[in-house]
N, C-alpha and C. Protein backbone atom coordinates (compact mmCIF):
# COMPACT_ATOMS: atom_id res chain seq x y z
N UNK A 1 5.49 -10.71 -33.95
CA UNK A 1 6.22 -10.24 -32.77
C UNK A 1 5.51 -9.04 -32.14
N UNK A 2 4.92 -8.18 -32.95
CA UNK A 2 4.28 -6.97 -32.45
C UNK A 2 3.22 -7.24 -31.40
N UNK A 3 2.46 -8.32 -31.55
CA UNK A 3 1.38 -8.61 -30.61
C UNK A 3 1.93 -8.93 -29.22
N UNK A 4 3.10 -9.51 -29.14
CA UNK A 4 3.71 -9.85 -27.85
C UNK A 4 3.97 -8.57 -27.05
N UNK A 5 4.50 -7.57 -27.74
CA UNK A 5 4.83 -6.32 -27.07
C UNK A 5 3.60 -5.61 -26.52
N UNK A 6 2.49 -5.71 -27.21
CA UNK A 6 1.30 -4.98 -26.76
C UNK A 6 0.64 -5.65 -25.55
N UNK A 7 1.06 -6.87 -25.22
CA UNK A 7 0.43 -7.54 -24.09
C UNK A 7 1.18 -7.33 -22.79
N UNK A 8 2.24 -6.55 -22.84
CA UNK A 8 2.94 -6.24 -21.58
C UNK A 8 3.62 -4.88 -21.68
N UNK A 9 3.97 -4.33 -20.53
CA UNK A 9 4.68 -3.06 -20.51
C UNK A 9 6.13 -3.29 -20.89
N UNK A 10 6.72 -2.28 -21.51
CA UNK A 10 8.12 -2.37 -21.92
C UNK A 10 9.02 -2.40 -20.69
N UNK A 11 10.24 -2.87 -20.88
CA UNK A 11 11.20 -2.91 -19.76
C UNK A 11 11.42 -1.52 -19.20
N UNK A 12 11.39 -0.52 -20.08
CA UNK A 12 11.58 0.87 -19.64
C UNK A 12 10.43 1.28 -18.71
N UNK A 13 9.21 0.96 -19.12
CA UNK A 13 8.04 1.26 -18.28
C UNK A 13 8.13 0.51 -16.95
N UNK A 14 8.52 -0.76 -17.03
CA UNK A 14 8.61 -1.58 -15.82
C UNK A 14 9.64 -1.00 -14.85
N UNK A 15 10.71 -0.47 -15.42
CA UNK A 15 11.76 0.14 -14.58
C UNK A 15 11.19 1.36 -13.84
N UNK A 16 10.39 2.15 -14.54
CA UNK A 16 9.77 3.33 -13.94
C UNK A 16 8.80 2.91 -12.82
N UNK A 17 7.97 1.89 -13.12
CA UNK A 17 7.03 1.40 -12.10
C UNK A 17 7.77 0.82 -10.90
N UNK A 18 8.87 0.12 -11.17
CA UNK A 18 9.66 -0.49 -10.10
C UNK A 18 10.16 0.60 -9.13
N UNK A 19 10.65 1.69 -9.72
CA UNK A 19 11.16 2.80 -8.92
C UNK A 19 10.02 3.41 -8.08
N UNK A 20 8.87 3.58 -8.72
CA UNK A 20 7.69 4.13 -8.05
C UNK A 20 7.28 3.23 -6.87
N UNK A 21 7.26 1.93 -7.11
CA UNK A 21 6.84 0.97 -6.07
C UNK A 21 7.85 0.93 -4.93
N UNK A 22 9.14 0.92 -5.27
CA UNK A 22 10.17 0.91 -4.22
C UNK A 22 10.03 2.14 -3.33
N UNK A 23 9.75 3.28 -3.93
CA UNK A 23 9.52 4.51 -3.17
C UNK A 23 8.31 4.38 -2.26
N UNK A 24 7.25 3.77 -2.79
CA UNK A 24 6.02 3.58 -2.00
C UNK A 24 6.27 2.61 -0.85
N UNK A 25 7.08 1.57 -1.10
CA UNK A 25 7.39 0.61 -0.03
C UNK A 25 8.16 1.32 1.08
N UNK A 26 9.15 2.13 0.71
CA UNK A 26 9.92 2.87 1.72
C UNK A 26 9.01 3.74 2.56
N UNK A 27 8.12 4.49 1.89
CA UNK A 27 7.21 5.38 2.60
C UNK A 27 6.26 4.57 3.48
N UNK A 28 5.75 3.46 2.94
CA UNK A 28 4.81 2.63 3.70
C UNK A 28 5.47 2.04 4.93
N UNK A 29 6.74 1.62 4.79
CA UNK A 29 7.47 1.08 5.95
C UNK A 29 7.66 2.17 6.99
N UNK A 30 7.99 3.37 6.52
CA UNK A 30 8.17 4.51 7.42
C UNK A 30 6.86 4.79 8.17
N UNK A 31 5.75 4.82 7.41
CA UNK A 31 4.44 5.07 8.01
C UNK A 31 4.09 3.98 9.03
N UNK A 32 4.43 2.73 8.68
CA UNK A 32 4.16 1.61 9.59
C UNK A 32 4.93 1.79 10.90
N UNK A 33 6.19 2.24 10.80
CA UNK A 33 6.99 2.50 12.01
C UNK A 33 6.33 3.58 12.85
N UNK A 34 5.82 4.62 12.19
CA UNK A 34 5.13 5.70 12.93
C UNK A 34 3.90 5.17 13.64
N UNK A 35 3.13 4.35 12.93
CA UNK A 35 1.92 3.76 13.52
C UNK A 35 2.30 2.90 14.72
N UNK A 36 3.33 2.07 14.54
CA UNK A 36 3.76 1.18 15.62
C UNK A 36 4.29 1.96 16.80
N UNK A 37 5.04 3.02 16.54
CA UNK A 37 5.58 3.79 17.67
C UNK A 37 4.46 4.53 18.38
N UNK A 38 3.46 5.00 17.63
CA UNK A 38 2.30 5.64 18.27
C UNK A 38 1.58 4.62 19.13
N UNK A 39 1.49 3.40 18.63
CA UNK A 39 0.84 2.30 19.35
C UNK A 39 1.62 1.99 20.63
N UNK A 40 2.95 1.94 20.51
CA UNK A 40 3.78 1.67 21.69
C UNK A 40 3.64 2.80 22.71
N UNK A 41 3.58 4.05 22.21
CA UNK A 41 3.45 5.18 23.13
C UNK A 41 2.12 5.14 23.88
N UNK A 42 1.11 4.56 23.25
CA UNK A 42 -0.19 4.40 23.93
C UNK A 42 -0.02 3.57 25.19
N UNK A 43 0.87 2.59 25.14
CA UNK A 43 1.08 1.71 26.29
C UNK A 43 1.86 2.41 27.40
N UNK A 44 2.64 3.41 27.02
CA UNK A 44 3.49 4.09 28.00
C UNK A 44 2.82 5.32 28.59
N UNK A 45 1.51 5.47 28.37
CA UNK A 45 0.92 6.73 28.84
C UNK A 45 1.14 6.87 30.33
N UNK A 46 1.59 8.01 30.70
CA UNK A 46 1.94 8.23 32.09
C UNK A 46 2.87 9.40 32.18
N UNK A 47 4.04 9.19 32.78
CA UNK A 47 4.91 10.30 33.16
C UNK A 47 5.42 11.13 31.98
N UNK A 48 5.84 10.49 30.89
CA UNK A 48 6.42 11.32 29.82
C UNK A 48 5.35 12.03 29.00
N UNK A 49 4.10 11.80 29.34
CA UNK A 49 2.98 12.47 28.68
C UNK A 49 2.82 13.87 29.25
N UNK A 50 3.60 14.81 28.76
CA UNK A 50 3.55 16.14 29.36
C UNK A 50 2.53 17.05 28.70
N UNK A 51 2.19 16.75 27.44
CA UNK A 51 1.24 17.62 26.73
C UNK A 51 -0.15 17.49 27.33
N UNK A 52 -0.75 18.62 27.72
CA UNK A 52 -2.06 18.56 28.36
C UNK A 52 -3.16 18.02 27.44
N UNK A 53 -2.97 18.14 26.11
CA UNK A 53 -4.01 17.68 25.18
C UNK A 53 -4.24 16.18 25.32
N UNK A 54 -3.19 15.41 25.61
CA UNK A 54 -3.33 13.97 25.74
C UNK A 54 -4.19 13.61 26.95
N UNK A 55 -4.13 14.47 28.00
CA UNK A 55 -4.89 14.20 29.21
C UNK A 55 -6.40 14.28 28.94
N UNK A 56 -6.75 15.00 27.88
CA UNK A 56 -8.17 15.20 27.57
C UNK A 56 -8.85 13.91 27.13
N UNK A 57 -8.09 12.98 26.57
CA UNK A 57 -8.69 11.73 26.11
C UNK A 57 -9.10 10.88 27.31
N UNK A 58 -10.31 10.37 27.27
CA UNK A 58 -10.69 9.46 28.34
C UNK A 58 -10.24 8.05 28.00
N UNK A 59 -10.42 7.14 28.92
CA UNK A 59 -9.95 5.76 28.74
C UNK A 59 -10.56 5.14 27.48
N UNK A 60 -11.83 5.40 27.22
CA UNK A 60 -12.53 4.84 26.06
C UNK A 60 -11.84 5.18 24.76
N UNK A 61 -11.45 6.44 24.60
CA UNK A 61 -10.84 6.84 23.33
C UNK A 61 -9.43 6.29 23.19
N UNK A 62 -8.76 6.05 24.32
CA UNK A 62 -7.41 5.49 24.19
C UNK A 62 -7.50 4.02 23.77
N UNK A 63 -8.54 3.33 24.21
CA UNK A 63 -8.76 1.96 23.75
C UNK A 63 -9.09 1.98 22.26
N UNK A 64 -9.94 2.93 21.86
CA UNK A 64 -10.30 3.08 20.46
C UNK A 64 -9.05 3.31 19.62
N UNK A 65 -8.18 4.20 20.08
CA UNK A 65 -7.01 4.52 19.28
C UNK A 65 -6.08 3.31 19.16
N UNK A 66 -6.03 2.48 20.20
CA UNK A 66 -5.21 1.26 20.12
C UNK A 66 -5.78 0.33 19.06
N UNK A 67 -7.11 0.20 19.04
CA UNK A 67 -7.74 -0.66 18.06
C UNK A 67 -7.56 -0.12 16.66
N UNK A 68 -7.80 1.19 16.48
CA UNK A 68 -7.67 1.75 15.14
C UNK A 68 -6.20 1.75 14.71
N UNK A 69 -5.28 1.92 15.65
CA UNK A 69 -3.86 1.83 15.33
C UNK A 69 -3.48 0.45 14.84
N UNK A 70 -4.00 -0.59 15.52
CA UNK A 70 -3.64 -1.93 15.08
C UNK A 70 -4.30 -2.23 13.73
N UNK A 71 -5.50 -1.69 13.50
CA UNK A 71 -6.14 -1.84 12.19
C UNK A 71 -5.30 -1.15 11.11
N UNK A 72 -4.84 0.06 11.43
CA UNK A 72 -3.99 0.81 10.50
C UNK A 72 -2.71 0.03 10.20
N UNK A 73 -2.12 -0.52 11.25
CA UNK A 73 -0.87 -1.27 11.09
C UNK A 73 -1.10 -2.49 10.20
N UNK A 74 -2.21 -3.21 10.42
CA UNK A 74 -2.52 -4.38 9.60
C UNK A 74 -2.73 -3.99 8.14
N UNK A 75 -3.47 -2.89 7.93
CA UNK A 75 -3.70 -2.40 6.56
C UNK A 75 -2.39 -2.03 5.89
N UNK A 76 -1.53 -1.37 6.66
CA UNK A 76 -0.24 -0.93 6.15
C UNK A 76 0.64 -2.13 5.79
N UNK A 77 0.61 -3.16 6.63
CA UNK A 77 1.39 -4.38 6.36
C UNK A 77 0.89 -5.07 5.10
N UNK A 78 -0.44 -5.09 4.91
CA UNK A 78 -1.02 -5.70 3.71
C UNK A 78 -0.59 -4.89 2.48
N UNK A 79 -0.62 -3.56 2.60
CA UNK A 79 -0.22 -2.68 1.51
C UNK A 79 1.22 -2.97 1.10
N UNK A 80 2.10 -3.12 2.07
CA UNK A 80 3.52 -3.41 1.80
C UNK A 80 3.64 -4.77 1.11
N UNK A 81 2.89 -5.76 1.61
CA UNK A 81 2.90 -7.09 0.96
C UNK A 81 2.44 -7.00 -0.48
N UNK A 82 1.34 -6.25 -0.72
CA UNK A 82 0.81 -6.09 -2.07
C UNK A 82 1.83 -5.42 -2.98
N UNK A 83 2.53 -4.42 -2.45
CA UNK A 83 3.56 -3.72 -3.25
C UNK A 83 4.71 -4.67 -3.58
N UNK A 84 5.10 -5.49 -2.60
CA UNK A 84 6.20 -6.45 -2.84
C UNK A 84 5.79 -7.49 -3.88
N UNK A 85 4.53 -7.89 -3.84
CA UNK A 85 4.02 -8.83 -4.84
C UNK A 85 4.05 -8.18 -6.22
N UNK A 86 3.76 -6.89 -6.27
CA UNK A 86 3.82 -6.16 -7.54
C UNK A 86 5.24 -6.17 -8.10
N UNK A 87 6.23 -6.06 -7.20
CA UNK A 87 7.64 -6.12 -7.64
C UNK A 87 7.95 -7.47 -8.28
N UNK A 88 7.38 -8.54 -7.73
CA UNK A 88 7.59 -9.88 -8.30
C UNK A 88 6.98 -9.92 -9.70
N UNK A 89 5.80 -9.31 -9.85
CA UNK A 89 5.17 -9.27 -11.18
C UNK A 89 6.02 -8.48 -12.17
N UNK A 90 6.72 -7.45 -11.67
CA UNK A 90 7.63 -6.70 -12.54
C UNK A 90 8.77 -7.61 -13.00
N UNK A 91 9.33 -8.36 -12.06
CA UNK A 91 10.41 -9.30 -12.40
C UNK A 91 9.94 -10.32 -13.43
N UNK A 92 8.70 -10.79 -13.27
CA UNK A 92 8.13 -11.79 -14.19
C UNK A 92 7.63 -11.17 -15.50
N UNK A 93 7.67 -9.84 -15.55
CA UNK A 93 7.16 -9.07 -16.69
C UNK A 93 5.66 -9.28 -16.91
N UNK A 94 4.94 -9.61 -15.83
CA UNK A 94 3.48 -9.72 -15.92
C UNK A 94 2.82 -8.53 -15.24
N UNK A 95 3.63 -7.58 -14.79
CA UNK A 95 3.10 -6.40 -14.09
C UNK A 95 2.20 -5.59 -15.01
N UNK A 96 1.08 -5.14 -14.46
CA UNK A 96 0.18 -4.27 -15.22
C UNK A 96 -0.84 -5.03 -16.05
N UNK A 97 -0.83 -6.35 -15.95
CA UNK A 97 -1.84 -7.15 -16.66
C UNK A 97 -3.03 -7.39 -15.74
N UNK A 98 -4.21 -7.15 -16.26
CA UNK A 98 -5.42 -7.39 -15.48
C UNK A 98 -5.62 -8.90 -15.33
N UNK A 99 -5.83 -9.36 -14.10
CA UNK A 99 -5.96 -10.81 -13.89
C UNK A 99 -7.32 -11.34 -14.33
N UNK A 100 -8.24 -10.45 -14.70
CA UNK A 100 -9.54 -10.89 -15.21
C UNK A 100 -9.59 -10.82 -16.73
N UNK A 101 -9.27 -9.64 -17.28
CA UNK A 101 -9.40 -9.45 -18.73
C UNK A 101 -8.12 -9.82 -19.49
N UNK A 102 -6.97 -9.83 -18.78
CA UNK A 102 -5.70 -10.11 -19.45
C UNK A 102 -5.17 -8.91 -20.22
N UNK A 103 -5.90 -7.80 -20.18
CA UNK A 103 -5.46 -6.59 -20.87
C UNK A 103 -4.55 -5.77 -19.96
N UNK A 104 -3.86 -4.82 -20.56
CA UNK A 104 -3.00 -3.93 -19.77
C UNK A 104 -3.85 -2.98 -18.95
N UNK A 105 -3.48 -2.82 -17.70
CA UNK A 105 -4.12 -1.83 -16.83
C UNK A 105 -3.51 -0.48 -17.22
N UNK A 106 -4.31 0.56 -17.27
CA UNK A 106 -3.80 1.86 -17.72
C UNK A 106 -2.69 2.37 -16.81
N UNK A 107 -1.74 3.07 -17.42
CA UNK A 107 -0.62 3.64 -16.65
C UNK A 107 -1.13 4.59 -15.58
N UNK A 108 -2.18 5.33 -15.93
CA UNK A 108 -2.75 6.31 -15.00
C UNK A 108 -3.22 5.60 -13.72
N UNK A 109 -3.91 4.46 -13.91
CA UNK A 109 -4.40 3.70 -12.75
C UNK A 109 -3.23 3.12 -11.95
N UNK A 110 -2.23 2.60 -12.66
CA UNK A 110 -1.08 2.00 -11.97
C UNK A 110 -0.28 3.04 -11.19
N UNK A 111 -0.26 4.26 -11.69
CA UNK A 111 0.46 5.31 -10.95
C UNK A 111 -0.28 5.62 -9.65
N UNK A 112 -1.60 5.57 -9.70
CA UNK A 112 -2.41 5.82 -8.50
C UNK A 112 -2.42 4.62 -7.57
N UNK A 113 -2.57 3.42 -8.15
CA UNK A 113 -2.64 2.18 -7.38
C UNK A 113 -1.62 1.21 -7.97
N UNK A 114 -0.34 1.38 -7.60
CA UNK A 114 0.71 0.59 -8.25
C UNK A 114 0.63 -0.91 -8.02
N UNK A 115 -0.15 -1.35 -7.04
CA UNK A 115 -0.28 -2.78 -6.78
C UNK A 115 -1.56 -3.36 -7.39
N UNK A 116 -2.24 -2.56 -8.23
CA UNK A 116 -3.50 -3.00 -8.84
C UNK A 116 -3.30 -4.25 -9.69
N UNK A 117 -4.25 -5.17 -9.60
CA UNK A 117 -4.20 -6.36 -10.45
C UNK A 117 -5.46 -6.44 -11.31
N UNK A 118 -6.33 -5.42 -11.16
CA UNK A 118 -7.56 -5.37 -11.94
C UNK A 118 -7.63 -4.06 -12.71
N UNK A 119 -8.07 -4.14 -13.96
CA UNK A 119 -8.33 -2.93 -14.72
C UNK A 119 -9.63 -2.32 -14.19
N UNK A 120 -9.88 -1.07 -14.53
CA UNK A 120 -11.13 -0.42 -14.11
C UNK A 120 -12.31 -1.23 -14.65
N UNK A 121 -12.17 -1.68 -15.89
CA UNK A 121 -13.19 -2.49 -16.56
C UNK A 121 -13.54 -3.72 -15.70
N UNK A 122 -12.53 -4.45 -15.28
CA UNK A 122 -12.74 -5.66 -14.46
C UNK A 122 -13.29 -5.31 -13.09
N UNK A 123 -12.84 -4.19 -12.54
CA UNK A 123 -13.30 -3.76 -11.22
C UNK A 123 -14.80 -3.46 -11.28
N UNK A 124 -15.22 -2.81 -12.36
CA UNK A 124 -16.63 -2.49 -12.53
C UNK A 124 -17.49 -3.73 -12.70
N UNK A 125 -16.95 -4.76 -13.34
CA UNK A 125 -17.67 -6.02 -13.51
C UNK A 125 -17.92 -6.65 -12.14
N UNK A 126 -16.93 -6.54 -11.26
CA UNK A 126 -17.02 -7.16 -9.93
C UNK A 126 -18.04 -6.52 -9.02
N UNK A 127 -18.40 -5.27 -9.30
CA UNK A 127 -19.32 -4.55 -8.40
C UNK A 127 -20.68 -5.18 -8.37
């Protein structure tokens, strides 16, 4: 029985990771809203733009910011999807398993990258 336990995180650990991921999803959704509203405000440039600093941007940089905003939004949406997928792995109790080595990904790495599916070892192999 002991070997089964070492191949996955305990329910207690999973609960902690679940809380961490839910918090990250909330923050990521909030950030996505900010990105989207900044993007929407780009389209409304005109009368309500009272701050003189905005006038300093030329047309080129406003196009750039629209592109980088949509890139940011896409990245943020992918991040949210990855976090939600991690929640499914928590439900399945497969969370924290490296999809290459099958070993547990370190808690330290999962705290930094909670949607990680590769251990550092596997990541280094891929380089």
